[in-house]
Amino acid sequence: MQLDVRDECSVKGPDSYLELQPGRTLPAAEGGHVVAHYQTRFIQIPELVAVQPGCGASHVIVRGSQPSLHHPGRQPTCRVCHTCGISSSGETECHEQSFLEAGMVELFNELAVNPDCRAVVFSGAGEVFTAGIDLMDMVNVLQPEGEDTARKCWQLRKKIGVYQETFSVLERCPKPVVVAVHGACMGVGVDMITACDVRLCTQDAWFQVKEVDIGLAADVGTLQRLPRVIGSRSLVNELALTARKMYADEAKSSGLVSRVFPDKEVMMAGAIAMAEEMAARSPVAVQGTKINLLYSRDHSVAESLDYMATWNMSMLQTDDLMKSAQAAMEKKSPKMVVFSKL
């Protein structure tokens, strides 16, 4: 099945409903490598959608969850995946349940082992990034099945674990994940972005740990990751205990985001460009760097150095090292080096 992605269209299958939205054509990177811009609309079963990447490619072929590009003459290298979150009900402001229905775990588990994907950009498709928790969904969660208290608690704990895994899978994915936030990012949105590697936002973005306002403690990642992201325990305590809003300028000064953009269009261009830079480097080096950064966050310096030595005693034997060194001596851009898939 071939679809021209210049116009909006939709595809219905036995297990999913997929909407394709037109995406901008990206130029070929230096050295002739094509960087495809994937876009995923979360409708029940996630699909990877390769948006028209240029260099003569004119169609996207959707085969289950494995995309390929119809390209006259040769197959381009698809390296940047862009997932765009939309809830299963068609609403563009995602709630916690929306991420579950979107198949986030399945999607990122697939991206983790997809050799064609080297970096991921995550963004929201609506007027805001996330709208927080859906109170009706929360009512359903708080009514677990079970004959007695112990069994109900067991089921509730399992449900919380499922929600936690929905965002932990982003952190565990070895490919770097760049998240682009616009408008409101509240509740579950903060849980999600703190599991990403690089956070960007627009000038109108604001962040809110909203859970105390609805009578619960954030339980899927914010209280565990935000202190490590910001570094100021006092500021984290203030945000989590008062549920006050943090705006873009404060988010940047505190380290929650690394860059602030004037609007979403400029931000998305910057996010894709940043992901392209990551994707152009050796996947052995990039993915190894992410894994070791996460390990060092949770372990002592001594333990992390020992882990790094064990890691590199094998990873230093990659051909990518010599290719990168030769390119540096010849004053070539890393984008001109062809690295094997990982």
C-alpha atoms as a PDB file:
ATOM      1  CA  MET A   1       0.000   0.000   0.000  1.00  0.00           C
ATOM      2  CA  GLN A   2       1.467   3.338  -1.054  1.00  0.00           C
ATOM      3  CA  LEU A   3       0.254   6.682   0.239  1.00  0.00           C
ATOM      4  CA  ASP A   4       1.128  10.116  -1.030  1.00  0.00           C
ATOM      5  CA  VAL A   5       1.706  12.141   2.136  1.00  0.00           C
ATOM      6  CA  ARG A   6       1.355  15.558   0.516  1.00  0.00           C
ATOM      7  CA  ASP A   7      -2.300  15.545   1.608  1.00  0.00           C
ATOM      8  CA  GLU A   8      -3.959  14.444   4.828  1.00  0.00           C
ATOM      9  CA  CYS A   9      -5.314  10.928   4.657  1.00  0.00           C
ATOM     10  CA  SER A  10      -6.217   8.030   6.903  1.00  0.00           C
ATOM     11  CA  VAL A  11      -5.875   4.269   6.817  1.00  0.00           C
ATOM     12  CA  LYS A  12      -8.032   1.749   8.624  1.00  0.00           C
ATOM     13  CA  GLY A  13      -6.721  -1.685   9.408  1.00  0.00           C
ATOM     14  CA  PRO A  14      -7.971  -4.670  11.439  1.00  0.00           C
ATOM     15  CA  ASP A  15      -6.050  -3.585  14.550  1.00  0.00           C
ATOM     16  CA  SER A  16      -5.607   0.126  14.187  1.00  0.00           C
ATOM     17  CA  TYR A  17      -6.764   3.443  12.873  1.00  0.00           C
ATOM     18  CA  LEU A  18      -3.975   5.573  11.540  1.00  0.00           C
ATOM     19  CA  GLU A  19      -4.094   9.188  10.424  1.00  0.00           C
ATOM     20  CA  LEU A  20      -1.314  10.644   8.343  1.00  0.00           C
ATOM     21  CA  GLN A  21      -0.637  14.328   8.425  1.00  0.00           C
ATOM     22  CA  PRO A  22       1.550  16.102   5.871  1.00  0.00           C
ATOM     23  CA  GLY A  23       5.055  16.835   7.052  1.00  0.00           C
ATOM     24  CA  ARG A  24       7.720  19.115   5.730  1.00  0.00           C
ATOM     25  CA  THR A  25      10.296  17.692   3.362  1.00  0.00           C
ATOM     26  CA  LEU A  26      13.744  17.490   4.901  1.00  0.00           C
ATOM     27  CA  PRO A  27      16.833  17.990   2.733  1.00  0.00           C
ATOM     28  CA  ALA A  28      19.467  15.312   2.444  1.00  0.00           C
ATOM     29  CA  ALA A  29      22.234  15.532   4.999  1.00  0.00           C
ATOM     30  CA  GLU A  30      25.832  16.041   3.890  1.00  0.00           C
ATOM     31  CA  GLY A  31      27.259  13.004   2.175  1.00  0.00           C
ATOM     32  CA  GLY A  32      23.954  12.034   0.600  1.00  0.00           C
ATOM     33  CA  HIS A  33      22.323  10.481   3.678  1.00  0.00           C
ATOM     34  CA  VAL A  34      18.593  11.077   3.892  1.00  0.00           C
ATOM     35  CA  VAL A  35      17.146  11.879   7.297  1.00  0.00           C
ATOM     36  CA  ALA A  36      13.499  10.852   7.374  1.00  0.00           C
ATOM     37  CA  HIS A  37      11.049  12.679   9.604  1.00  0.00           C
ATOM     38  CA  TYR A  38       8.708  10.148  11.145  1.00  0.00           C
ATOM     39  CA  GLN A  39       5.373  11.194  12.587  1.00  0.00           C
ATOM     40  CA  THR A  40       3.128   8.931  14.621  1.00  0.00           C
ATOM     41  CA  ARG A  41      -0.502   9.581  15.449  1.00  0.00           C
ATOM     42  CA  PHE A  42      -1.399   7.575  18.520  1.00  0.00           C
ATOM     43  CA  ILE A  43      -4.614   5.745  17.697  1.00  0.00           C
ATOM     44  CA  GLN A  44      -4.928   2.429  19.548  1.00  0.00           C
ATOM     45  CA  ILE A  45      -1.994   0.609  17.887  1.00  0.00           C
ATOM     46  CA  PRO A  46       0.972   2.866  17.123  1.00  0.00           C
ATOM     47  CA  GLU A  47       2.458   2.845  13.676  1.00  0.00           C
ATOM     48  CA  LEU A  48       5.692   4.392  12.506  1.00  0.00           C
ATOM     49  CA  VAL A  49       5.027   6.760   9.673  1.00  0.00           C
ATOM     50  CA  ALA A  50       7.845   8.014   7.472  1.00  0.00           C
ATOM     51  CA  VAL A  51       7.030  11.475   6.186  1.00  0.00           C
ATOM     52  CA  GLN A  52       8.278  12.428   2.732  1.00  0.00           C
ATOM     53  CA  PRO A  53      12.048  12.883   3.161  1.00  0.00           C
ATOM     54  CA  GLY A  54      13.140  14.416  -0.141  1.00  0.00           C
ATOM     55  CA  CYS A  55      15.851  13.121  -2.494  1.00  0.00           C
ATOM     56  CA  GLY A  56      13.156  11.913  -4.857  1.00  0.00           C
ATOM     57  CA  ALA A  57      11.241   9.786  -2.353  1.00  0.00           C
ATOM     58  CA  SER A  58       7.579  10.373  -3.034  1.00  0.00           C
ATOM     59  CA  HIS A  59       5.578   7.807  -1.077  1.00  0.00           C
ATOM     60  CA  VAL A  60       5.411   6.186   2.294  1.00  0.00           C
ATOM     61  CA  ILE A  61       4.714   2.485   2.566  1.00  0.00           C
ATOM     62  CA  VAL A  62       3.002   1.361   5.769  1.00  0.00           C
ATOM     63  CA  ARG A  63       3.446  -2.294   6.650  1.00  0.00           C
ATOM     64  CA  GLY A  64       2.208  -2.994  10.143  1.00  0.00           C
ATOM     65  CA  SER A  65       4.592  -1.045  12.325  1.00  0.00           C
ATOM     66  CA  GLN A  66       7.583  -1.253  10.013  1.00  0.00           C
ATOM     67  CA  PRO A  67       7.815   1.694   7.609  1.00  0.00           C
ATOM     68  CA  SER A  68       9.874   1.763   4.473  1.00  0.00           C
ATOM     69  CA  LEU A  69      10.291   4.373   1.793  1.00  0.00           C
ATOM     70  CA  HIS A  70       9.572   3.872  -1.863  1.00  0.00           C
ATOM     71  CA  HIS A  71      12.632   5.457  -3.422  1.00  0.00           C
ATOM     72  CA  PRO A  72      13.512   5.309  -7.113  1.00  0.00           C
ATOM     73  CA  GLY A  73      16.946   3.752  -7.406  1.00  0.00           C
ATOM     74  CA  ARG A  74      18.031   3.304  -3.784  1.00  0.00           C
ATOM     75  CA  GLN A  75      16.811   3.030  -0.225  1.00  0.00           C
ATOM     76  CA  PRO A  76      17.540   6.116   1.921  1.00  0.00           C
ATOM     77  CA  THR A  77      18.782   5.939   5.488  1.00  0.00           C
ATOM     78  CA  CYS A  78      16.014   6.878   7.953  1.00  0.00           C
ATOM     79  CA  ARG A  79      17.577   8.108  11.158  1.00  0.00           C
ATOM     80  CA  VAL A  80      15.309  10.524  13.036  1.00  0.00           C
ATOM     81  CA  CYS A  81      11.926   9.414  14.342  1.00  0.00           C
ATOM     82  CA  HIS A  82       9.332  12.035  15.274  1.00  0.00           C
ATOM     83  CA  THR A  83       6.441  10.830  17.412  1.00  0.00           C
ATOM     84  CA  CYS A  84       3.555  13.243  17.712  1.00  0.00           C
ATOM     85  CA  GLY A  85       1.126  12.471  20.559  1.00  0.00           C
ATOM     86  CA  ILE A  86      -2.629  12.524  20.009  1.00  0.00           C
ATOM     87  CA  SER A  87      -5.093  10.746  22.274  1.00  0.00           C
ATOM     88  CA  SER A  88      -7.148   7.750  21.174  1.00  0.00           C
ATOM     89  CA  SER A  89     -10.344   9.783  21.344  1.00  0.00           C
ATOM     90  CA  GLY A  90      -8.958  12.150  18.753  1.00  0.00           C
ATOM     91  CA  GLU A  91      -8.252  14.889  21.291  1.00  0.00           C
ATOM     92  CA  THR A  92      -4.905  16.544  20.857  1.00  0.00           C
ATOM     93  CA  GLU A  93      -4.305  17.212  24.552  1.00  0.00           C
ATOM     94  CA  CYS A  94      -3.047  13.911  25.937  1.00  0.00           C
ATOM     95  CA  HIS A  95      -4.008  12.538  29.354  1.00  0.00           C
ATOM     96  CA  GLU A  96      -2.319   9.721  31.261  1.00  0.00           C
ATOM     97  CA  GLN A  97      -4.665   7.091  29.825  1.00  0.00           C
ATOM     98  CA  SER A  98      -3.957   8.413  26.330  1.00  0.00           C
ATOM     99  CA  PHE A  99      -0.320   7.374  26.566  1.00  0.00           C
ATOM    100  CA  LEU A 100      -1.363   3.851  27.519  1.00  0.00           C
ATOM    101  CA  GLU A 101      -3.875   3.596  24.696  1.00  0.00           C
ATOM    102  CA  ALA A 102      -1.269   5.000  22.346  1.00  0.00           C
ATOM    103  CA  GLY A 103       0.945   1.972  22.938  1.00  0.00           C
ATOM    104  CA  MET A 104       3.906   3.997  24.182  1.00  0.00           C
ATOM    105  CA  VAL A 105       5.672   0.921  25.558  1.00  0.00           C
ATOM    106  CA  GLU A 106       5.307  -0.997  22.309  1.00  0.00           C
ATOM    107  CA  LEU A 107       6.352   2.005  20.239  1.00  0.00           C
ATOM    108  CA  PHE A 108       9.541   2.779  22.161  1.00  0.00           C
ATOM    109  CA  ASN A 109      10.471  -0.875  22.558  1.00  0.00           C
ATOM    110  CA  GLU A 110      10.344  -1.077  18.785  1.00  0.00           C
ATOM    111  CA  LEU A 111      12.354   2.106  18.314  1.00  0.00           C
ATOM    112  CA  ALA A 112      14.956   0.788  20.766  1.00  0.00           C
ATOM    113  CA  VAL A 113      15.826  -2.099  18.441  1.00  0.00           C
ATOM    114  CA  ASN A 114      15.063  -0.456  15.098  1.00  0.00           C
ATOM    115  CA  PRO A 115      18.499  -0.012  13.449  1.00  0.00           C
ATOM    116  CA  ASP A 116      17.101   2.641  11.098  1.00  0.00           C
ATOM    117  CA  CYS A 117      16.252   4.961  13.992  1.00  0.00           C
ATOM    118  CA  ARG A 118      19.098   6.776  15.730  1.00  0.00           C
ATOM    119  CA  ALA A 119      17.273   9.611  17.512  1.00  0.00           C
ATOM    120  CA  VAL A 120      13.701  10.404  18.547  1.00  0.00           C
ATOM    121  CA  VAL A 121      11.809  13.697  18.740  1.00  0.00           C
ATOM    122  CA  PHE A 122       8.634  13.712  20.858  1.00  0.00           C
ATOM    123  CA  SER A 123       6.088  16.528  20.570  1.00  0.00           C
ATOM    124  CA  GLY A 124       2.410  17.282  21.144  1.00  0.00           C
ATOM    125  CA  ALA A 125      -0.009  17.910  18.281  1.00  0.00           C
ATOM    126  CA  GLY A 126      -2.631  20.083  19.973  1.00  0.00           C
ATOM    127  CA  GLU A 127      -2.861  23.586  21.382  1.00  0.00           C
ATOM    128  CA  VAL A 128      -1.019  22.405  24.501  1.00  0.00           C
ATOM    129  CA  PHE A 129       1.483  19.638  25.193  1.00  0.00           C
ATOM    130  CA  THR A 130      -0.534  17.757  27.833  1.00  0.00           C
ATOM    131  CA  ALA A 131      -3.719  18.450  29.776  1.00  0.00           C
ATOM    132  CA  GLY A 132      -2.886  16.425  32.882  1.00  0.00           C
ATOM    133  CA  ILE A 133      -4.809  13.510  34.304  1.00  0.00           C
ATOM    134  CA  ASP A 134      -8.328  12.649  33.178  1.00  0.00           C
ATOM    135  CA  LEU A 135     -10.392  12.567  36.374  1.00  0.00           C
ATOM    136  CA  MET A 136     -12.840  10.028  34.916  1.00  0.00           C
ATOM    137  CA  ASP A 137      -9.939   7.686  34.178  1.00  0.00           C
ATOM    138  CA  MET A 138      -8.702   8.144  37.748  1.00  0.00           C
ATOM    139  CA  VAL A 139     -12.106   7.080  39.104  1.00  0.00           C
ATOM    140  CA  ASN A 140     -11.818   3.837  37.150  1.00  0.00           C
ATOM    141  CA  VAL A 141      -8.280   3.217  38.388  1.00  0.00           C
ATOM    142  CA  LEU A 142      -9.385   3.674  42.009  1.00  0.00           C
ATOM    143  CA  GLN A 143     -11.990   0.918  41.671  1.00  0.00           C
ATOM    144  CA  PRO A 144      -9.835  -2.205  41.135  1.00  0.00           C
ATOM    145  CA  GLU A 145     -11.368  -5.663  41.103  1.00  0.00           C
ATOM    146  CA  GLY A 146     -10.769  -7.974  44.053  1.00  0.00           C
ATOM    147  CA  GLU A 147     -12.604  -9.900  46.745  1.00  0.00           C
ATOM    148  CA  ASP A 148     -10.805  -8.225  49.638  1.00  0.00           C
ATOM    149  CA  THR A 149      -8.533  -5.286  50.407  1.00  0.00           C
ATOM    150  CA  ALA A 150      -5.318  -7.205  49.804  1.00  0.00           C
ATOM    151  CA  ARG A 151      -6.392  -8.308  46.311  1.00  0.00           C
ATOM    152  CA  LYS A 152      -7.659  -4.853  45.402  1.00  0.00           C
ATOM    153  CA  CYS A 153      -4.369  -3.336  46.521  1.00  0.00           C
ATOM    154  CA  TRP A 154      -2.446  -5.932  44.525  1.00  0.00           C
ATOM    155  CA  GLN A 155      -4.362  -4.994  41.360  1.00  0.00           C
ATOM    156  CA  LEU A 156      -3.939  -1.277  42.018  1.00  0.00           C
ATOM    157  CA  ARG A 157      -0.193  -1.663  42.508  1.00  0.00           C
ATOM    158  CA  LYS A 158       0.028  -3.552  39.220  1.00  0.00           C
ATOM    159  CA  LYS A 159      -1.889  -0.783  37.457  1.00  0.00           C
ATOM    160  CA  ILE A 160       0.460   1.886  38.855  1.00  0.00           C
ATOM    161  CA  GLY A 161       3.397  -0.189  37.632  1.00  0.00           C
ATOM    162  CA  VAL A 162       1.922  -0.206  34.126  1.00  0.00           C
ATOM    163  CA  TYR A 163       1.637   3.579  34.176  1.00  0.00           C
ATOM    164  CA  GLN A 164       5.228   3.891  35.421  1.00  0.00           C
ATOM    165  CA  GLU A 165       6.520   1.657  32.638  1.00  0.00           C
ATOM    166  CA  THR A 166       4.772   3.865  30.076  1.00  0.00           C
ATOM    167  CA  PHE A 167       7.334   6.597  30.784  1.00  0.00           C
ATOM    168  CA  SER A 168      10.304   4.559  31.982  1.00  0.00           C
ATOM    169  CA  VAL A 169      10.469   3.056  28.497  1.00  0.00           C
ATOM    170  CA  LEU A 170      11.535   6.465  27.112  1.00  0.00           C
ATOM    171  CA  GLU A 171      14.425   6.618  29.554  1.00  0.00           C
ATOM    172  CA  ARG A 172      15.404   3.009  28.876  1.00  0.00           C
ATOM    173  CA  CYS A 173      15.384   3.456  25.096  1.00  0.00           C
ATOM    174  CA  PRO A 174      19.074   3.634  24.059  1.00  0.00           C
ATOM    175  CA  LYS A 175      18.283   6.179  21.332  1.00  0.00           C
ATOM    176  CA  PRO A 176      18.428   9.807  22.540  1.00  0.00           C
ATOM    177  CA  VAL A 177      14.932  11.282  23.011  1.00  0.00           C
ATOM    178  CA  VAL A 178      14.402  15.010  22.457  1.00  0.00           C
ATOM    179  CA  VAL A 179      11.071  16.334  23.761  1.00  0.00           C
ATOM    180  CA  ALA A 180       9.575  19.587  22.442  1.00  0.00           C
ATOM    181  CA  VAL A 181       7.016  21.226  24.742  1.00  0.00           C
ATOM    182  CA  HIS A 182       4.569  23.986  23.847  1.00  0.00           C
ATOM    183  CA  GLY A 183       1.792  25.475  25.969  1.00  0.00           C
ATOM    184  CA  ALA A 184       0.716  23.645  29.105  1.00  0.00           C
ATOM    185  CA  CYS A 185       2.719  20.686  30.375  1.00  0.00           C
ATOM    186  CA  MET A 186       1.033  19.549  33.553  1.00  0.00           C
ATOM    187  CA  GLY A 187       0.735  16.415  35.639  1.00  0.00           C
ATOM    188  CA  VAL A 188       1.579  13.419  33.507  1.00  0.00           C
ATOM    189  CA  GLY A 189       3.415  15.668  31.044  1.00  0.00           C
ATOM    190  CA  VAL A 190       6.061  16.426  33.678  1.00  0.00           C
ATOM    191  CA  ASP A 191       6.348  12.687  34.389  1.00  0.00           C
ATOM    192  CA  MET A 192       7.001  12.117  30.717  1.00  0.00           C
ATOM    193  CA  ILE A 193       9.462  14.889  29.911  1.00  0.00           C
ATOM    194  CA  THR A 194      11.681  14.111  32.905  1.00  0.00           C
ATOM    195  CA  ALA A 195      12.248  10.671  31.360  1.00  0.00           C
ATOM    196  CA  CYS A 196      13.581  12.273  28.154  1.00  0.00           C
ATOM    197  CA  ASP A 197      17.199  13.167  27.458  1.00  0.00           C
ATOM    198  CA  VAL A 198      16.841  16.723  26.118  1.00  0.00           C
ATOM    199  CA  ARG A 199      13.950  19.083  26.889  1.00  0.00           C
ATOM    200  CA  LEU A 200      13.056  22.086  24.733  1.00  0.00           C
ATOM    201  CA  CYS A 201      10.093  24.439  25.047  1.00  0.00           C
ATOM    202  CA  THR A 202       8.409  27.492  23.566  1.00  0.00           C
ATOM    203  CA  GLN A 203       8.206  30.871  25.274  1.00  0.00           C
ATOM    204  CA  ASP A 204       4.526  30.288  26.112  1.00  0.00           C
ATOM    205  CA  ALA A 205       5.166  26.908  27.772  1.00  0.00           C
ATOM    206  CA  TRP A 206       4.497  26.331  31.443  1.00  0.00           C
ATOM    207  CA  PHE A 207       4.960  23.327  33.715  1.00  0.00           C
ATOM    208  CA  GLN A 208       2.944  22.186  36.720  1.00  0.00           C
ATOM    209  CA  VAL A 209       3.213  19.237  39.102  1.00  0.00           C
ATOM    210  CA  LYS A 210      -0.545  19.177  39.557  1.00  0.00           C
ATOM    211  CA  GLU A 211      -1.129  15.998  41.535  1.00  0.00           C
ATOM    212  CA  VAL A 212      -1.458  17.506  45.041  1.00  0.00           C
ATOM    213  CA  ASP A 213      -4.338  19.643  43.772  1.00  0.00           C
ATOM    214  CA  ILE A 214      -6.349  16.493  43.080  1.00  0.00           C
ATOM    215  CA  GLY A 215      -5.450  14.725  46.301  1.00  0.00           C
ATOM    216  CA  LEU A 216      -2.603  12.388  45.397  1.00  0.00           C
ATOM    217  CA  ALA A 217       1.182  12.196  45.235  1.00  0.00           C
ATOM    218  CA  ALA A 218       2.684  11.983  41.734  1.00  0.00           C
ATOM    219  CA  ASP A 219       3.415   8.304  41.256  1.00  0.00           C
ATOM    220  CA  VAL A 220       4.799   7.684  37.765  1.00  0.00           C
ATOM    221  CA  GLY A 221       8.153   9.455  37.776  1.00  0.00           C
ATOM    222  CA  THR A 222       8.068  13.169  38.627  1.00  0.00           C
ATOM    223  CA  LEU A 223       9.034  12.834  42.304  1.00  0.00           C
ATOM    224  CA  GLN A 224      11.855  10.444  41.405  1.00  0.00           C
ATOM    225  CA  ARG A 225      13.303  12.170  38.308  1.00  0.00           C
ATOM    226  CA  LEU A 226      12.614  15.884  38.757  1.00  0.00           C
ATOM    227  CA  PRO A 227      15.074  16.263  41.701  1.00  0.00           C
ATOM    228  CA  ARG A 228      17.807  14.769  39.506  1.00  0.00           C
ATOM    229  CA  VAL A 229      16.893  16.996  36.570  1.00  0.00           C
ATOM    230  CA  ILE A 230      16.687  20.347  38.382  1.00  0.00           C
ATOM    231  CA  GLY A 231      19.170  19.707  41.163  1.00  0.00           C
ATOM    232  CA  SER A 232      17.565  22.099  43.665  1.00  0.00           C
ATOM    233  CA  ARG A 233      15.703  20.056  46.237  1.00  0.00           C
ATOM    234  CA  SER A 234      14.094  23.208  47.616  1.00  0.00           C
ATOM    235  CA  LEU A 235      12.649  24.182  44.233  1.00  0.00           C
ATOM    236  CA  VAL A 236      11.408  20.641  43.570  1.00  0.00           C
ATOM    237  CA  ASN A 237       9.711  20.567  46.962  1.00  0.00           C
ATOM    238  CA  GLU A 238       8.077  23.929  46.287  1.00  0.00           C
ATOM    239  CA  LEU A 239       6.748  22.866  42.886  1.00  0.00           C
ATOM    240  CA  ALA A 240       5.494  19.471  44.079  1.00  0.00           C
ATOM    241  CA  LEU A 241       3.928  20.697  47.334  1.00  0.00           C
ATOM    242  CA  THR A 242       2.240  23.851  46.045  1.00  0.00           C
ATOM    243  CA  ALA A 243       1.389  22.824  42.464  1.00  0.00           C
ATOM    244  CA  ARG A 244       2.370  26.291  41.269  1.00  0.00           C
ATOM    245  CA  LYS A 245       3.145  26.910  37.609  1.00  0.00           C
ATOM    246  CA  MET A 246       6.700  27.228  36.353  1.00  0.00           C
ATOM    247  CA  TYR A 247       7.046  29.302  33.194  1.00  0.00           C
ATOM    248  CA  ALA A 248       9.576  28.965  30.391  1.00  0.00           C
ATOM    249  CA  ASP A 249      12.212  31.402  31.650  1.00  0.00           C
ATOM    250  CA  GLU A 250      12.314  29.822  35.098  1.00  0.00           C
ATOM    251  CA  ALA A 251      12.317  26.349  33.546  1.00  0.00           C
ATOM    252  CA  LYS A 252      15.449  27.268  31.594  1.00  0.00           C
ATOM    253  CA  SER A 253      17.229  28.950  34.498  1.00  0.00           C
ATOM    254  CA  SER A 254      16.528  25.944  36.739  1.00  0.00           C
ATOM    255  CA  GLY A 255      17.722  23.417  34.148  1.00  0.00           C
ATOM    256  CA  LEU A 256      14.385  21.759  33.396  1.00  0.00           C
ATOM    257  CA  VAL A 257      14.787  22.754  29.730  1.00  0.00           C
ATOM    258  CA  SER A 258      17.979  23.616  27.879  1.00  0.00           C
ATOM    259  CA  ARG A 259      16.560  25.949  25.220  1.00  0.00           C
ATOM    260  CA  VAL A 260      13.517  28.215  24.834  1.00  0.00           C
ATOM    261  CA  PHE A 261      12.118  29.068  21.379  1.00  0.00           C
ATOM    262  CA  PRO A 262       9.759  31.889  20.360  1.00  0.00           C
ATOM    263  CA  ASP A 263       7.086  29.584  18.902  1.00  0.00           C
ATOM    264  CA  LYS A 264       6.328  25.955  18.091  1.00  0.00           C
ATOM    265  CA  GLU A 265       7.381  26.105  14.449  1.00  0.00           C
ATOM    266  CA  VAL A 266      10.833  27.394  15.310  1.00  0.00           C
ATOM    267  CA  MET A 267      11.102  24.924  18.179  1.00  0.00           C
ATOM    268  CA  MET A 268      10.266  21.931  15.988  1.00  0.00           C
ATOM    269  CA  ALA A 269      12.840  22.986  13.425  1.00  0.00           C
ATOM    270  CA  GLY A 270      15.402  23.259  16.222  1.00  0.00           C
ATOM    271  CA  ALA A 271      14.407  19.903  17.730  1.00  0.00           C
ATOM    272  CA  ILE A 272      14.684  18.088  14.403  1.00  0.00           C
ATOM    273  CA  ALA A 273      18.025  19.771  13.668  1.00  0.00           C
ATOM    274  CA  MET A 274      19.348  18.727  17.084  1.00  0.00           C
ATOM    275  CA  ALA A 275      18.187  15.141  16.569  1.00  0.00           C
ATOM    276  CA  GLU A 276      19.830  15.125  13.139  1.00  0.00           C
ATOM    277  CA  GLU A 277      23.120  16.122  14.745  1.00  0.00           C
ATOM    278  CA  MET A 278      22.831  13.211  17.168  1.00  0.00           C
ATOM    279  CA  ALA A 279      21.832  10.815  14.396  1.00  0.00           C
ATOM    280  CA  ALA A 280      24.829  11.822  12.288  1.00  0.00           C
ATOM    281  CA  ARG A 281      27.290  10.558  14.897  1.00  0.00           C
ATOM    282  CA  SER A 282      28.341   6.966  15.487  1.00  0.00           C
ATOM    283  CA  PRO A 283      25.384   5.044  16.971  1.00  0.00           C
ATOM    284  CA  VAL A 284      27.862   3.052  19.057  1.00  0.00           C
ATOM    285  CA  ALA A 285      29.155   6.287  20.592  1.00  0.00           C
ATOM    286  CA  VAL A 286      25.786   8.030  20.974  1.00  0.00           C
ATOM    287  CA  GLN A 287      23.896   5.119  22.489  1.00  0.00           C
ATOM    288  CA  GLY A 288      26.828   4.150  24.687  1.00  0.00           C
ATOM    289  CA  THR A 289      27.006   7.735  25.950  1.00  0.00           C
ATOM    290  CA  LYS A 290      23.312   7.772  26.901  1.00  0.00           C
ATOM    291  CA  ILE A 291      23.530   4.432  28.688  1.00  0.00           C
ATOM    292  CA  ASN A 292      26.563   5.506  30.703  1.00  0.00           C
ATOM    293  CA  LEU A 293      25.110   8.910  31.563  1.00  0.00           C
ATOM    294  CA  LEU A 294      22.067   7.184  33.048  1.00  0.00           C
ATOM    295  CA  TYR A 295      24.238   4.674  34.906  1.00  0.00           C
ATOM    296  CA  SER A 296      26.396   7.433  36.413  1.00  0.00           C
ATOM    297  CA  ARG A 297      23.286   9.284  37.570  1.00  0.00           C
ATOM    298  CA  ASP A 298      22.254   6.348  39.756  1.00  0.00           C
ATOM    299  CA  HIS A 299      25.701   5.164  40.940  1.00  0.00           C
ATOM    300  CA  SER A 300      28.820   6.526  42.584  1.00  0.00           C
ATOM    301  CA  VAL A 301      31.707   7.953  40.577  1.00  0.00           C
ATOM    302  CA  ALA A 302      33.851   4.898  41.342  1.00  0.00           C
ATOM    303  CA  GLU A 303      31.131   2.475  40.281  1.00  0.00           C
ATOM    304  CA  SER A 304      30.457   4.476  37.130  1.00  0.00           C
ATOM    305  CA  LEU A 305      34.114   4.565  36.133  1.00  0.00           C
ATOM    306  CA  ASP A 306      34.358   0.809  36.592  1.00  0.00           C
ATOM    307  CA  TYR A 307      31.220   0.314  34.488  1.00  0.00           C
ATOM    308  CA  MET A 308      32.637   2.653  31.819  1.00  0.00           C
ATOM    309  CA  ALA A 309      35.902   0.719  31.658  1.00  0.00           C
ATOM    310  CA  THR A 310      34.028  -2.547  31.215  1.00  0.00           C
ATOM    311  CA  TRP A 311      31.813  -0.954  28.587  1.00  0.00           C
ATOM    312  CA  ASN A 312      34.606   0.505  26.501  1.00  0.00           C
ATOM    313  CA  MET A 313      36.887  -2.518  26.629  1.00  0.00           C
ATOM    314  CA  SER A 314      34.588  -3.888  23.925  1.00  0.00           C
ATOM    315  CA  MET A 315      33.035  -0.766  22.398  1.00  0.00           C
ATOM    316  CA  LEU A 316      36.460   0.790  21.638  1.00  0.00           C
ATOM    317  CA  GLN A 317      36.958  -1.999  19.121  1.00  0.00           C
ATOM    318  CA  THR A 318      34.341  -0.509  16.788  1.00  0.00           C
ATOM    319  CA  ASP A 319      35.261   0.595  13.264  1.00  0.00           C
ATOM    320  CA  ASP A 320      33.394   3.830  13.989  1.00  0.00           C
ATOM    321  CA  LEU A 321      36.375   5.057  16.010  1.00  0.00           C
ATOM    322  CA  MET A 322      38.774   4.945  13.068  1.00  0.00           C
ATOM    323  CA  LYS A 323      36.175   6.372  10.689  1.00  0.00           C
ATOM    324  CA  SER A 324      35.534   9.319  13.005  1.00  0.00           C
ATOM    325  CA  ALA A 325      39.252   9.907  13.610  1.00  0.00           C
ATOM    326  CA  GLN A 326      39.990   9.879   9.888  1.00  0.00           C
ATOM    327  CA  ALA A 327      37.148  12.333   9.226  1.00  0.00           C
ATOM    328  CA  ALA A 328      38.507  14.640  11.931  1.00  0.00           C
ATOM    329  CA  MET A 329      42.014  14.563  10.431  1.00  0.00           C
ATOM    330  CA  GLU A 330      40.565  15.318   7.010  1.00  0.00           C
ATOM    331  CA  LYS A 331      38.457  18.121   8.543  1.00  0.00           C
ATOM    332  CA  LYS A 332      35.235  16.490   7.398  1.00  0.00           C
ATOM    333  CA  SER A 333      31.889  16.799   9.122  1.00  0.00           C
ATOM    334  CA  PRO A 334      30.664  13.693  11.013  1.00  0.00           C
ATOM    335  CA  LYS A 335      27.624  13.879   8.750  1.00  0.00           C
ATOM    336  CA  MET A 336      29.821  12.823   5.858  1.00  0.00           C
ATOM    337  CA  VAL A 337      30.838   9.571   7.557  1.00  0.00           C
ATOM    338  CA  VAL A 338      28.808   6.457   6.801  1.00  0.00           C
ATOM    339  CA  PHE A 339      28.370   4.417   9.975  1.00  0.00           C
ATOM    340  CA  SER A 340      26.949   0.907   9.954  1.00  0.00           C
ATOM    341  CA  LYS A 341      23.559   0.278  11.498  1.00  0.00           C
ATOM    342  CA  LEU A 342      23.440  -0.796  15.121  1.00  0.00           C
END
